[in-house]
Amino acid sequence: MSEDKNIAGNLLDAARAKLEEGVDRARAVGHDIASMVGNDPLENAADKANAAAARLEAEGHNAQADHHLSELKKD
């Protein structure tokens, strides 16, 4: 039963990380759009920086998901 619980936990953690990755990527797209339609160059630059930060977070969540999936392969 403990192994089943570990498998379920890894699956849940991987799914959660992938969901968070998707949210981060959507947030990055929103910032990209905002950077293209704004009139203030400083705000546009801030939106571009926020988009880059969101993409970095997405990559981190992707790495977490990959880690949890590799743990599944070990089980």
PDB file of N, CA and C in Angstrom:
ATOM      1  N   MET A   1       0.819  -1.199   0.000  1.00  0.00           N
ATOM      2  CA  MET A   1       0.000   0.000   0.000  1.00  0.00           C
ATOM      3  C   MET A   1       0.861   1.260   0.000  1.00  0.00           C
ATOM      4  N   SER A   2       1.988   1.216   0.676  1.00  0.00           N
ATOM      5  CA  SER A   2       2.860   2.384   0.739  1.00  0.00           C
ATOM      6  C   SER A   2       3.373   2.754  -0.650  1.00  0.00           C
ATOM      7  N   GLU A   3       3.693   1.730  -1.463  1.00  0.00           N
ATOM      8  CA  GLU A   3       4.168   2.000  -2.815  1.00  0.00           C
ATOM      9  C   GLU A   3       3.078   2.651  -3.651  1.00  0.00           C
ATOM     10  N   ASP A   4       1.819   2.188  -3.500  1.00  0.00           N
ATOM     11  CA  ASP A   4       0.702   2.792  -4.222  1.00  0.00           C
ATOM     12  C   ASP A   4       0.523   4.249  -3.815  1.00  0.00           C
ATOM     13  N   LYS A   5       0.698   4.512  -2.528  1.00  0.00           N
ATOM     14  CA  LYS A   5       0.567   5.875  -2.032  1.00  0.00           C
ATOM     15  C   LYS A   5       1.681   6.746  -2.610  1.00  0.00           C
ATOM     16  N   ASN A   6       2.892   6.208  -2.699  1.00  0.00           N
ATOM     17  CA  ASN A   6       4.013   6.948  -3.265  1.00  0.00           C
ATOM     18  C   ASN A   6       3.773   7.225  -4.750  1.00  0.00           C
ATOM     19  N   ILE A   7       3.251   6.246  -5.459  1.00  0.00           N
ATOM     20  CA  ILE A   7       2.944   6.430  -6.881  1.00  0.00           C
ATOM     21  C   ILE A   7       1.877   7.506  -7.056  1.00  0.00           C
ATOM     22  N   ALA A   8       0.827   7.418  -6.253  1.00  0.00           N
ATOM     23  CA  ALA A   8      -0.248   8.415  -6.335  1.00  0.00           C
ATOM     24  C   ALA A   8       0.271   9.806  -5.980  1.00  0.00           C
ATOM     25  N   GLY A   9       1.126   9.872  -4.979  1.00  0.00           N
ATOM     26  CA  GLY A   9       1.691  11.163  -4.588  1.00  0.00           C
ATOM     27  C   GLY A   9       2.546  11.764  -5.686  1.00  0.00           C
ATOM     28  N   ASN A  10       3.366  10.935  -6.325  1.00  0.00           N
ATOM     29  CA  ASN A  10       4.195  11.428  -7.420  1.00  0.00           C
ATOM     30  C   ASN A  10       3.350  11.863  -8.615  1.00  0.00           C
ATOM     31  N   LEU A  11       2.294  11.106  -8.899  1.00  0.00           N
ATOM     32  CA  LEU A  11       1.395  11.492  -9.993  1.00  0.00           C
ATOM     33  C   LEU A  11       0.722  12.824  -9.688  1.00  0.00           C
ATOM     34  N   LEU A  12       0.252  12.967  -8.466  1.00  0.00           N
ATOM     35  CA  LEU A  12      -0.407  14.209  -8.072  1.00  0.00           C
ATOM     36  C   LEU A  12       0.566  15.385  -8.136  1.00  0.00           C
ATOM     37  N   ASP A  13       1.762  15.191  -7.634  1.00  0.00           N
ATOM     38  CA  ASP A  13       2.763  16.261  -7.660  1.00  0.00           C
ATOM     39  C   ASP A  13       3.150  16.634  -9.085  1.00  0.00           C
ATOM     40  N   ALA A  14       3.284  15.647  -9.956  1.00  0.00           N
ATOM     41  CA  ALA A  14       3.614  15.917 -11.358  1.00  0.00           C
ATOM     42  C   ALA A  14       2.479  16.686 -12.039  1.00  0.00           C
ATOM     43  N   ALA A  15       1.246  16.274 -11.784  1.00  0.00           N
ATOM     44  CA  ALA A  15       0.096  16.955 -12.382  1.00  0.00           C
ATOM     45  C   ALA A  15      -0.006  18.394 -11.878  1.00  0.00           C
ATOM     46  N   ARG A  16       0.230  18.578 -10.595  1.00  0.00           N
ATOM     47  CA  ARG A  16       0.180  19.921 -10.015  1.00  0.00           C
ATOM     48  C   ARG A  16       1.261  20.812 -10.636  1.00  0.00           C
ATOM     49  N   ALA A  17       2.454  20.274 -10.800  1.00  0.00           N
ATOM     50  CA  ALA A  17       3.546  21.047 -11.384  1.00  0.00           C
ATOM     51  C   ALA A  17       3.243  21.414 -12.839  1.00  0.00           C
ATOM     52  N   LYS A  18       2.652  20.491 -13.592  1.00  0.00           N
ATOM     53  CA  LYS A  18       2.297  20.782 -14.986  1.00  0.00           C
ATOM     54  C   LYS A  18       1.196  21.847 -15.049  1.00  0.00           C
ATOM     55  N   LEU A  19       0.243  21.787 -14.135  1.00  0.00           N
ATOM     56  CA  LEU A  19      -0.803  22.797 -14.091  1.00  0.00           C
ATOM     57  C   LEU A  19      -0.199  24.166 -13.792  1.00  0.00           C
ATOM     58  N   GLU A  20       0.691  24.233 -12.816  1.00  0.00           N
ATOM     59  CA  GLU A  20       1.347  25.492 -12.482  1.00  0.00           C
ATOM     60  C   GLU A  20       2.203  25.992 -13.640  1.00  0.00           C
ATOM     61  N   GLU A  21       2.815  25.073 -14.378  1.00  0.00           N
ATOM     62  CA  GLU A  21       3.582  25.467 -15.560  1.00  0.00           C
ATOM     63  C   GLU A  21       2.666  26.143 -16.580  1.00  0.00           C
ATOM     64  N   GLY A  22       1.506  25.555 -16.807  1.00  0.00           N
ATOM     65  CA  GLY A  22       0.554  26.137 -17.756  1.00  0.00           C
ATOM     66  C   GLY A  22       0.080  27.514 -17.333  1.00  0.00           C
ATOM     67  N   VAL A  23      -0.158  27.682 -16.038  1.00  0.00           N
ATOM     68  CA  VAL A  23      -0.573  28.982 -15.520  1.00  0.00           C
ATOM     69  C   VAL A  23       0.534  30.017 -15.735  1.00  0.00           C
ATOM     70  N   ASP A  24       1.763  29.614 -15.457  1.00  0.00           N
ATOM     71  CA  ASP A  24       2.897  30.527 -15.655  1.00  0.00           C
ATOM     72  C   ASP A  24       3.037  30.920 -17.121  1.00  0.00           C
ATOM     73  N   ARG A  25       2.874  29.960 -18.014  1.00  0.00           N
ATOM     74  CA  ARG A  25       3.006  30.263 -19.445  1.00  0.00           C
ATOM     75  C   ARG A  25       1.879  31.188 -19.916  1.00  0.00           C
ATOM     76  N   ALA A  26       0.683  30.985 -19.400  1.00  0.00           N
ATOM     77  CA  ALA A  26      -0.436  31.863 -19.746  1.00  0.00           C
ATOM     78  C   ALA A  26      -0.187  33.282 -19.222  1.00  0.00           C
ATOM     79  N   ARG A  27       0.357  33.369 -18.018  1.00  0.00           N
ATOM     80  CA  ARG A  27       0.687  34.677 -17.449  1.00  0.00           C
ATOM     81  C   ARG A  27       1.747  35.372 -18.307  1.00  0.00           C
ATOM     82  N   ALA A  28       2.724  34.609 -18.807  1.00  0.00           N
ATOM     83  CA  ALA A  28       3.760  35.184 -19.665  1.00  0.00           C
ATOM     84  C   ALA A  28       3.154  35.749 -20.945  1.00  0.00           C
ATOM     85  N   VAL A  29       2.212  35.027 -21.519  1.00  0.00           N
ATOM     86  CA  VAL A  29       1.551  35.513 -22.739  1.00  0.00           C
ATOM     87  C   VAL A  29       0.793  36.801 -22.447  1.00  0.00           C
ATOM     88  N   GLY A  30       0.122  36.849 -21.311  1.00  0.00           N
ATOM     89  CA  GLY A  30      -0.586  38.070 -20.928  1.00  0.00           C
ATOM     90  C   GLY A  30       0.351  39.260 -20.810  1.00  0.00           C
ATOM     91  N   HIS A  31       1.498  39.042 -20.203  1.00  0.00           N
ATOM     92  CA  HIS A  31       2.481  40.119 -20.077  1.00  0.00           C
ATOM     93  C   HIS A  31       3.046  40.505 -21.448  1.00  0.00           C
ATOM     94  N   ASP A  32       3.249  39.518 -22.313  1.00  0.00           N
ATOM     95  CA  ASP A  32       3.722  39.822 -23.670  1.00  0.00           C
ATOM     96  C   ASP A  32       2.727  40.721 -24.396  1.00  0.00           C
ATOM     97  N   ILE A  33       1.464  40.384 -24.298  1.00  0.00           N
ATOM     98  CA  ILE A  33       0.436  41.194 -24.964  1.00  0.00           C
ATOM     99  C   ILE A  33       0.402  42.591 -24.369  1.00  0.00           C
ATOM    100  N   ALA A  34       0.461  42.668 -23.046  1.00  0.00           N
ATOM    101  CA  ALA A  34       0.438  43.981 -22.396  1.00  0.00           C
ATOM    102  C   ALA A  34       1.627  44.827 -22.822  1.00  0.00           C
ATOM    103  N   SER A  35       2.771  44.197 -23.036  1.00  0.00           N
ATOM    104  CA  SER A  35       3.966  44.961 -23.429  1.00  0.00           C
ATOM    105  C   SER A  35       3.854  45.508 -24.847  1.00  0.00           C
ATOM    106  N   MET A  36       2.980  44.918 -25.651  1.00  0.00           N
ATOM    107  CA  MET A  36       2.836  45.368 -27.036  1.00  0.00           C
ATOM    108  C   MET A  36       1.761  46.432 -27.213  1.00  0.00           C
ATOM    109  N   VAL A  37       0.826  46.518 -26.272  1.00  0.00           N
ATOM    110  CA  VAL A  37      -0.285  47.451 -26.458  1.00  0.00           C
ATOM    111  C   VAL A  37      -0.178  48.691 -25.573  1.00  0.00           C
ATOM    112  N   GLY A  38       0.751  48.695 -24.654  1.00  0.00           N
ATOM    113  CA  GLY A  38       0.884  49.846 -23.765  1.00  0.00           C
ATOM    114  C   GLY A  38       1.562  51.023 -24.447  1.00  0.00           C
ATOM    115  N   ASN A  39       1.315  52.207 -23.892  1.00  0.00           N
ATOM    116  CA  ASN A  39       1.913  53.430 -24.438  1.00  0.00           C
ATOM    117  C   ASN A  39       3.128  53.891 -23.641  1.00  0.00           C
ATOM    118  N   ASP A  40       3.290  53.376 -22.452  1.00  0.00           N
ATOM    119  CA  ASP A  40       4.390  53.793 -21.582  1.00  0.00           C
ATOM    120  C   ASP A  40       5.569  52.832 -21.759  1.00  0.00           C
ATOM    121  N   PRO A  41       6.702  53.312 -22.252  1.00  0.00           N
ATOM    122  CA  PRO A  41       7.856  52.434 -22.474  1.00  0.00           C
ATOM    123  C   PRO A  41       8.342  51.732 -21.201  1.00  0.00           C
ATOM    124  N   LEU A  42       8.259  52.417 -20.066  1.00  0.00           N
ATOM    125  CA  LEU A  42       8.686  51.788 -18.815  1.00  0.00           C
ATOM    126  C   LEU A  42       7.760  50.636 -18.419  1.00  0.00           C
ATOM    127  N   GLU A  43       6.462  50.843 -18.581  1.00  0.00           N
ATOM    128  CA  GLU A  43       5.513  49.770 -18.288  1.00  0.00           C
ATOM    129  C   GLU A  43       5.704  48.609 -19.254  1.00  0.00           C
ATOM    130  N   ASN A  44       5.953  48.915 -20.513  1.00  0.00           N
ATOM    131  CA  ASN A  44       6.185  47.864 -21.503  1.00  0.00           C
ATOM    132  C   ASN A  44       7.415  47.046 -21.144  1.00  0.00           C
ATOM    133  N   ALA A  45       8.475  47.727 -20.711  1.00  0.00           N
ATOM    134  CA  ALA A  45       9.691  47.020 -20.310  1.00  0.00           C
ATOM    135  C   ALA A  45       9.431  46.157 -19.081  1.00  0.00           C
ATOM    136  N   ALA A  46       8.643  46.677 -18.144  1.00  0.00           N
ATOM    137  CA  ALA A  46       8.297  45.896 -16.946  1.00  0.00           C
ATOM    138  C   ALA A  46       7.484  44.666 -17.331  1.00  0.00           C
ATOM    139  N   ASP A  47       6.559  44.824 -18.280  1.00  0.00           N
ATOM    140  CA  ASP A  47       5.765  43.673 -18.728  1.00  0.00           C
ATOM    141  C   ASP A  47       6.643  42.628 -19.406  1.00  0.00           C
ATOM    142  N   LYS A  48       7.617  43.079 -20.184  1.00  0.00           N
ATOM    143  CA  LYS A  48       8.538  42.131 -20.824  1.00  0.00           C
ATOM    144  C   LYS A  48       9.355  41.380 -19.774  1.00  0.00           C
ATOM    145  N   ALA A  49       9.786  42.099 -18.750  1.00  0.00           N
ATOM    146  CA  ALA A  49      10.542  41.455 -17.669  1.00  0.00           C
ATOM    147  C   ALA A  49       9.656  40.468 -16.906  1.00  0.00           C
ATOM    148  N   ASN A  50       8.415  40.854 -16.673  1.00  0.00           N
ATOM    149  CA  ASN A  50       7.484  39.945 -15.984  1.00  0.00           C
ATOM    150  C   ASN A  50       7.205  38.699 -16.820  1.00  0.00           C
ATOM    151  N   ALA A  51       7.133  38.864 -18.128  1.00  0.00           N
ATOM    152  CA  ALA A  51       6.924  37.712 -19.010  1.00  0.00           C
ATOM    153  C   ALA A  51       8.121  36.766 -18.930  1.00  0.00           C
ATOM    154  N   ALA A  52       9.314  37.330 -18.917  1.00  0.00           N
ATOM    155  CA  ALA A  52      10.518  36.494 -18.822  1.00  0.00           C
ATOM    156  C   ALA A  52      10.555  35.768 -17.478  1.00  0.00           C
ATOM    157  N   ALA A  53      10.167  36.465 -16.410  1.00  0.00           N
ATOM    158  CA  ALA A  53      10.149  35.839 -15.087  1.00  0.00           C
ATOM    159  C   ALA A  53       9.123  34.708 -15.035  1.00  0.00           C
ATOM    160  N   ALA A  54       7.968  34.921 -15.641  1.00  0.00           N
ATOM    161  CA  ALA A  54       6.937  33.882 -15.662  1.00  0.00           C
ATOM    162  C   ALA A  54       7.408  32.658 -16.448  1.00  0.00           C
ATOM    163  N   ARG A  55       8.149  32.887 -17.533  1.00  0.00           N
ATOM    164  CA  ARG A  55       8.681  31.759 -18.303  1.00  0.00           C
ATOM    165  C   ARG A  55       9.715  30.977 -17.487  1.00  0.00           C
ATOM    166  N   LEU A  56      10.523  31.687 -16.709  1.00  0.00           N
ATOM    167  CA  LEU A  56      11.486  31.008 -15.838  1.00  0.00           C
ATOM    168  C   LEU A  56      10.766  30.153 -14.793  1.00  0.00           C
ATOM    169  N   GLU A  57       9.705  30.699 -14.225  1.00  0.00           N
ATOM    170  CA  GLU A  57       8.916  29.925 -13.261  1.00  0.00           C
ATOM    171  C   GLU A  57       8.312  28.699 -13.935  1.00  0.00           C
ATOM    172  N   ALA A  58       7.843  28.872 -15.175  1.00  0.00           N
ATOM    173  CA  ALA A  58       7.268  27.744 -15.911  1.00  0.00           C
ATOM    174  C   ALA A  58       8.311  26.658 -16.122  1.00  0.00           C
ATOM    175  N   GLU A  59       9.526  27.057 -16.455  1.00  0.00           N
ATOM    176  CA  GLU A  59      10.591  26.075 -16.641  1.00  0.00           C
ATOM    177  C   GLU A  59      10.900  25.349 -15.337  1.00  0.00           C
ATOM    178  N   GLY A  60      10.842  26.071 -14.236  1.00  0.00           N
ATOM    179  CA  GLY A  60      11.048  25.441 -12.931  1.00  0.00           C
ATOM    180  C   GLY A  60       9.971  24.420 -12.624  1.00  0.00           C
ATOM    181  N   HIS A  61       8.722  24.765 -12.928  1.00  0.00           N
ATOM    182  CA  HIS A  61       7.634  23.815 -12.707  1.00  0.00           C
ATOM    183  C   HIS A  61       7.740  22.615 -13.644  1.00  0.00           C
ATOM    184  N   ASN A  62       8.210  22.853 -14.855  1.00  0.00           N
ATOM    185  CA  ASN A  62       8.418  21.753 -15.787  1.00  0.00           C
ATOM    186  C   ASN A  62       9.483  20.796 -15.251  1.00  0.00           C
ATOM    187  N   ALA A  63      10.541  21.359 -14.694  1.00  0.00           N
ATOM    188  CA  ALA A  63      11.600  20.520 -14.110  1.00  0.00           C
ATOM    189  C   ALA A  63      11.070  19.721 -12.923  1.00  0.00           C
ATOM    190  N   GLN A  64      10.213  20.346 -12.122  1.00  0.00           N
ATOM    191  CA  GLN A  64       9.611  19.625 -10.993  1.00  0.00           C
ATOM    192  C   GLN A  64       8.769  18.457 -11.490  1.00  0.00           C
ATOM    193  N   ALA A  65       7.972  18.708 -12.516  1.00  0.00           N
ATOM    194  CA  ALA A  65       7.133  17.644 -13.066  1.00  0.00           C
ATOM    195  C   ALA A  65       7.998  16.506 -13.598  1.00  0.00           C
ATOM    196  N   ASP A  66       9.058  16.849 -14.307  1.00  0.00           N
ATOM    197  CA  ASP A  66       9.969  15.824 -14.832  1.00  0.00           C
ATOM    198  C   ASP A  66      10.574  15.000 -13.700  1.00  0.00           C
ATOM    199  N   HIS A  67      10.922  15.681 -12.620  1.00  0.00           N
ATOM    200  CA  HIS A  67      11.489  14.978 -11.458  1.00  0.00           C
ATOM    201  C   HIS A  67      10.479  13.980 -10.890  1.00  0.00           C
ATOM    202  N   HIS A  68       9.242  14.417 -10.701  1.00  0.00           N
ATOM    203  CA  HIS A  68       8.220  13.525 -10.135  1.00  0.00           C
ATOM    204  C   HIS A  68       7.938  12.352 -11.075  1.00  0.00           C
ATOM    205  N   LEU A  69       7.953  12.622 -12.375  1.00  0.00           N
ATOM    206  CA  LEU A  69       7.726  11.532 -13.326  1.00  0.00           C
ATOM    207  C   LEU A  69       8.901  10.546 -13.329  1.00  0.00           C
ATOM    208  N   SER A  70      10.106  11.049 -13.158  1.00  0.00           N
ATOM    209  CA  SER A  70      11.249  10.133 -13.102  1.00  0.00           C
ATOM    210  C   SER A  70      11.197   9.306 -11.830  1.00  0.00           C
ATOM    211  N   GLU A  71      10.657   9.862 -10.757  1.00  0.00           N
ATOM    212  CA  GLU A  71      10.476   9.096  -9.522  1.00  0.00           C
ATOM    213  C   GLU A  71       9.483   7.960  -9.748  1.00  0.00           C
ATOM    214  N   LEU A  72       8.486   8.201 -10.598  1.00  0.00           N
ATOM    215  CA  LEU A  72       7.521   7.143 -10.928  1.00  0.00           C
ATOM    216  C   LEU A  72       8.192   5.986 -11.634  1.00  0.00           C
ATOM    217  N   LYS A  73       9.127   6.311 -12.503  1.00  0.00           N
ATOM    218  CA  LYS A  73       9.819   5.256 -13.255  1.00  0.00           C
ATOM    219  C   LYS A  73      10.680   4.386 -12.347  1.00  0.00           C
ATOM    220  N   LYS A  74      11.146   4.978 -11.251  1.00  0.00           N
ATOM    221  CA  LYS A  74      11.930   4.215 -10.288  1.00  0.00           C
ATOM    222  C   LYS A  74      11.070   3.230  -9.514  1.00  0.00           C
ATOM    223  N   ASP A  75       9.803   3.636  -9.287  1.00  0.00           N
ATOM    224  CA  ASP A  75       8.897   2.778  -8.502  1.00  0.00           C
ATOM    225  C   ASP A  75       8.490   1.630  -9.317  1.00  0.00           C
TER     226      ASP A  75
END
